[in-house]
């Protein structure tokens, strides 16, 4: 997806406003004001607020598969690559959590006239990369054959978002004092927990 710097600024401004105020609670006028750009230029670049959101989804997904394939291509044992994949995914979703928040809300809105087809197709292609990696590990006897590959990313995302959407509870429970503590916990203890969980699913024989 080829975008100029001004288009990227618009998308990133819209992402923050959509996440903070909701899609309905954000106007094109607000986006133009915060992005310091003429409102007509947003219409020129994207056409409508709905098309702007569609472009945001594609923008955030556009380089995921390329980076994932780069992680998988490293000359390492399968279990080490698996750890790297999980670390990469957690870092991506943590960095792009605003977009995921928007997607989770808007995707469940049956009345919204937003085209999610390209976004869903990209997700399917990303899953195919992970499936190919797991099947290679299965063929080499590293991973068990008795695993639901389609639910592996669900387990990763579900664990992360349960923690993040309940971070007030976990801050109190685990004495995480500030945002820096949250960041450290996500990229260390939480990531390690998810790595252990996924490795158990892929290596445990029922």
Protein backbone atom coordinates (compact mmCIF):
# COMPACT_ATOMS: atom_id res chain seq x y z
CA UNK A 1 0.00 0.00 0.00
CA UNK A 2 1.76 3.16 -1.23
CA UNK A 3 1.00 6.20 0.91
CA UNK A 4 2.63 9.60 1.18
CA UNK A 5 3.59 11.12 4.52
CA UNK A 6 0.48 13.29 4.74
CA UNK A 7 -1.82 10.31 4.14
CA UNK A 8 -0.02 8.39 6.90
CA UNK A 9 -0.45 11.35 9.27
CA UNK A 10 -4.17 11.42 8.51
CA UNK A 11 -4.54 7.68 9.09
CA UNK A 12 -2.63 7.76 12.37
CA UNK A 13 -4.63 10.76 13.58
CA UNK A 14 -7.89 9.04 12.66
CA UNK A 15 -6.74 5.85 14.39
CA UNK A 16 -6.22 7.66 17.70
CA UNK A 17 -9.50 9.57 17.47
CA UNK A 18 -11.51 6.48 16.46
CA UNK A 19 -10.01 4.53 19.37
CA UNK A 20 -10.60 7.32 21.89
CA UNK A 21 -14.01 8.56 20.73
CA UNK A 22 -15.42 5.73 18.63
CA UNK A 23 -16.08 5.80 14.90
CA UNK A 24 -19.43 7.56 15.29
CA UNK A 25 -17.98 9.99 17.82
CA UNK A 26 -15.26 11.16 15.43
CA UNK A 27 -15.93 13.54 12.56
CA UNK A 28 -13.86 14.20 9.47
CA UNK A 29 -13.66 17.80 10.65
CA UNK A 30 -12.04 16.67 13.91
CA UNK A 31 -9.54 14.54 12.03
CA UNK A 32 -8.65 17.42 9.72
CA UNK A 33 -8.20 19.78 12.68
CA UNK A 34 -5.95 17.46 14.68
CA UNK A 35 -3.97 16.45 11.58
CA UNK A 36 -3.72 20.14 10.61
CA UNK A 37 -4.94 19.50 7.08
CA UNK A 38 -7.73 20.89 4.92
CA UNK A 39 -10.90 18.82 5.21
CA UNK A 40 -11.17 18.68 1.41
CA UNK A 41 -7.82 16.87 1.25
CA UNK A 42 -9.17 14.02 3.37
CA UNK A 43 -12.05 13.63 0.91
CA UNK A 44 -9.56 13.77 -1.97
CA UNK A 45 -7.33 11.09 -0.49
CA UNK A 46 -9.94 8.75 0.98
CA UNK A 47 -13.41 9.79 -0.22
CA UNK A 48 -15.30 9.23 3.03
CA UNK A 49 -14.83 8.41 6.70
CA UNK A 50 -15.74 4.77 5.96
CA UNK A 51 -13.13 4.55 3.20
CA UNK A 52 -10.60 6.17 5.54
CA UNK A 53 -11.21 3.40 8.08
CA UNK A 54 -10.87 0.74 5.37
CA UNK A 55 -7.53 2.29 4.34
CA UNK A 56 -6.40 2.31 7.98
CA UNK A 57 -7.04 -1.42 8.33
CA UNK A 58 -5.09 -2.22 5.18
CA UNK A 59 -2.26 0.13 6.20
CA UNK A 60 -1.83 -1.60 9.56
CA UNK A 61 -1.97 -5.07 7.99
CA UNK A 62 0.08 -4.35 4.86
CA UNK A 63 3.56 -5.35 6.03
CA UNK A 64 2.58 -8.01 8.57
CA UNK A 65 2.99 -11.02 6.27
CA UNK A 66 6.34 -9.82 4.92
CA UNK A 67 7.73 -9.38 8.45
CA UNK A 68 6.26 -12.70 9.58
CA UNK A 69 7.88 -14.52 6.67
CA UNK A 70 11.19 -12.85 7.55
CA UNK A 71 10.95 -14.15 11.13
CA UNK A 72 10.16 -17.68 9.91
CA UNK A 73 12.96 -17.71 7.33
CA UNK A 74 15.71 -17.54 9.97
CA UNK A 75 18.03 -20.55 10.30
CA UNK A 76 16.99 -21.63 13.77
CA UNK A 77 15.32 -24.67 15.37
CA UNK A 78 11.53 -24.67 15.04
CA UNK A 79 10.88 -24.04 18.72
CA UNK A 80 13.13 -20.97 18.71
CA UNK A 81 11.41 -19.63 15.61
CA UNK A 82 8.06 -20.24 17.32
CA UNK A 83 9.17 -18.05 20.24
CA UNK A 84 10.23 -15.36 17.76
CA UNK A 85 6.86 -15.54 15.96
CA UNK A 86 4.95 -15.08 19.21
CA UNK A 87 7.18 -12.22 20.34
CA UNK A 88 6.70 -10.54 16.96
CA UNK A 89 2.90 -10.92 17.08
CA UNK A 90 2.61 -9.61 20.64
CA UNK A 91 4.76 -6.57 19.80
CA UNK A 92 2.64 -5.87 16.72
CA UNK A 93 -0.73 -6.11 18.44
CA UNK A 94 0.52 -4.10 21.42
CA UNK A 95 1.81 -1.36 19.14
CA UNK A 96 -1.37 -1.39 17.02
CA UNK A 97 -3.84 -2.00 19.85
CA UNK A 98 -5.86 1.09 18.93
CA UNK A 99 -6.60 -0.36 15.50
CA UNK A 100 -7.57 -3.72 17.01
CA UNK A 101 -9.94 -1.94 19.38
CA UNK A 102 -11.62 -0.22 16.44
CA UNK A 103 -11.84 -3.44 14.43
CA UNK A 104 -13.36 -5.43 17.30
CA UNK A 105 -16.11 -2.86 17.74
CA UNK A 106 -16.84 -2.03 14.10
CA UNK A 107 -16.68 -5.61 12.84
CA UNK A 108 -19.53 -6.56 15.17
CA UNK A 109 -21.64 -3.61 13.97
CA UNK A 110 -23.96 -5.16 11.41
CA UNK A 111 -25.30 -1.85 10.16
CA UNK A 112 -21.94 -0.32 9.25
CA UNK A 113 -21.19 0.13 5.55
CA UNK A 114 -17.53 -0.73 5.79
CA UNK A 115 -15.86 -3.24 3.48
CA UNK A 116 -13.82 -5.68 5.57
CA UNK A 117 -13.20 -8.08 2.68
CA UNK A 118 -9.62 -7.00 1.93
CA UNK A 119 -8.78 -7.01 5.65
CA UNK A 120 -10.20 -10.52 6.05
CA UNK A 121 -8.35 -11.76 2.98
CA UNK A 122 -5.08 -10.46 4.40
CA UNK A 123 -5.78 -12.26 7.68
CA UNK A 124 -6.38 -15.50 5.77
CA UNK A 125 -3.08 -15.10 3.91
CA UNK A 126 -1.26 -14.47 7.20
CA UNK A 127 -2.81 -17.61 8.67
CA UNK A 128 -1.58 -19.62 5.67
CA UNK A 129 2.00 -18.55 6.49
CA UNK A 130 1.61 -19.77 10.08
CA UNK A 131 -0.08 -23.00 8.92
CA UNK A 132 2.81 -23.73 6.55
CA UNK A 133 5.33 -23.20 9.37
CA UNK A 134 3.44 -25.49 11.76
CA UNK A 135 2.96 -28.21 9.13
CA UNK A 136 6.68 -28.14 8.36
CA UNK A 137 7.33 -28.65 12.08
CA UNK A 138 4.79 -31.49 12.14
CA UNK A 139 6.48 -33.20 9.20
CA UNK A 140 9.80 -33.01 11.04
CA UNK A 141 8.28 -34.46 14.21
CA UNK A 142 8.81 -31.27 16.24
CA UNK A 143 5.10 -30.46 16.59
CA UNK A 144 2.21 -32.76 17.34
CA UNK A 145 -0.34 -33.43 14.62
CA UNK A 146 -3.18 -33.14 17.12
CA UNK A 147 -3.53 -29.34 17.21
CA UNK A 148 -6.03 -26.82 15.86
CA UNK A 149 -3.73 -24.50 13.94
CA UNK A 150 -6.52 -22.00 13.23
CA UNK A 151 -6.94 -21.35 16.96
CA UNK A 152 -3.27 -20.69 17.75
CA UNK A 153 -3.46 -17.00 16.85
CA UNK A 154 -6.79 -16.81 18.69
CA UNK A 155 -5.00 -18.03 21.82
CA UNK A 156 -2.23 -15.46 21.40
CA UNK A 157 -4.58 -12.54 20.74
CA UNK A 158 -7.11 -13.61 23.34
CA UNK A 159 -4.50 -13.83 26.09
CA UNK A 160 -3.03 -10.45 25.22
CA UNK A 161 -6.35 -8.61 24.98
CA UNK A 162 -7.74 -10.17 28.15
CA UNK A 163 -4.73 -8.78 29.96
CA UNK A 164 -4.79 -5.39 28.29
CA UNK A 165 -8.52 -4.73 28.59
CA UNK A 166 -8.31 -5.70 32.27
CA UNK A 167 -5.05 -3.90 32.95
CA UNK A 168 -6.48 -1.96 35.91
CA UNK A 169 -7.10 -5.27 37.65
CA UNK A 170 -3.67 -6.64 36.74
CA UNK A 171 -1.92 -3.40 37.71
CA UNK A 172 -3.37 -3.84 41.19
CA UNK A 173 -2.82 -7.60 41.30
CA UNK A 174 0.79 -7.50 40.13
CA UNK A 175 1.85 -4.11 41.50
CA UNK A 176 2.41 -2.63 38.06
CA UNK A 177 2.84 0.98 39.06
CA UNK A 178 2.85 2.87 35.75
CA UNK A 179 2.78 2.59 31.95
CA UNK A 180 6.46 1.66 31.87
CA UNK A 181 5.72 -1.30 34.16
CA UNK A 182 2.89 -2.37 31.85
CA UNK A 183 5.19 -2.18 28.82
CA UNK A 184 7.85 -4.26 30.56
CA UNK A 185 5.31 -6.85 31.69
CA UNK A 186 3.78 -7.22 28.19
CA UNK A 187 7.13 -7.71 26.48
CA UNK A 188 8.54 -10.04 29.11
CA UNK A 189 6.31 -12.02 31.49
CA UNK A 190 3.16 -11.95 29.34
CA UNK A 191 5.03 -12.80 26.15
CA UNK A 192 6.88 -15.64 27.90
CA UNK A 193 3.59 -17.00 29.26
CA UNK A 194 2.07 -17.03 25.77
CA UNK A 195 5.20 -18.68 24.34
CA UNK A 196 4.98 -21.43 26.96
CA UNK A 197 1.28 -21.94 26.30
CA UNK A 198 1.64 -22.20 22.51
CA UNK A 199 4.66 -24.52 22.76
CA UNK A 200 2.66 -26.76 25.09
CA UNK A 201 -0.22 -26.90 22.60
CA UNK A 202 2.13 -27.75 19.75
CA UNK A 203 4.22 -30.38 21.53
CA UNK A 204 1.83 -32.11 23.94
CA UNK A 205 0.45 -35.43 22.73
CA UNK A 206 -3.11 -36.16 23.92
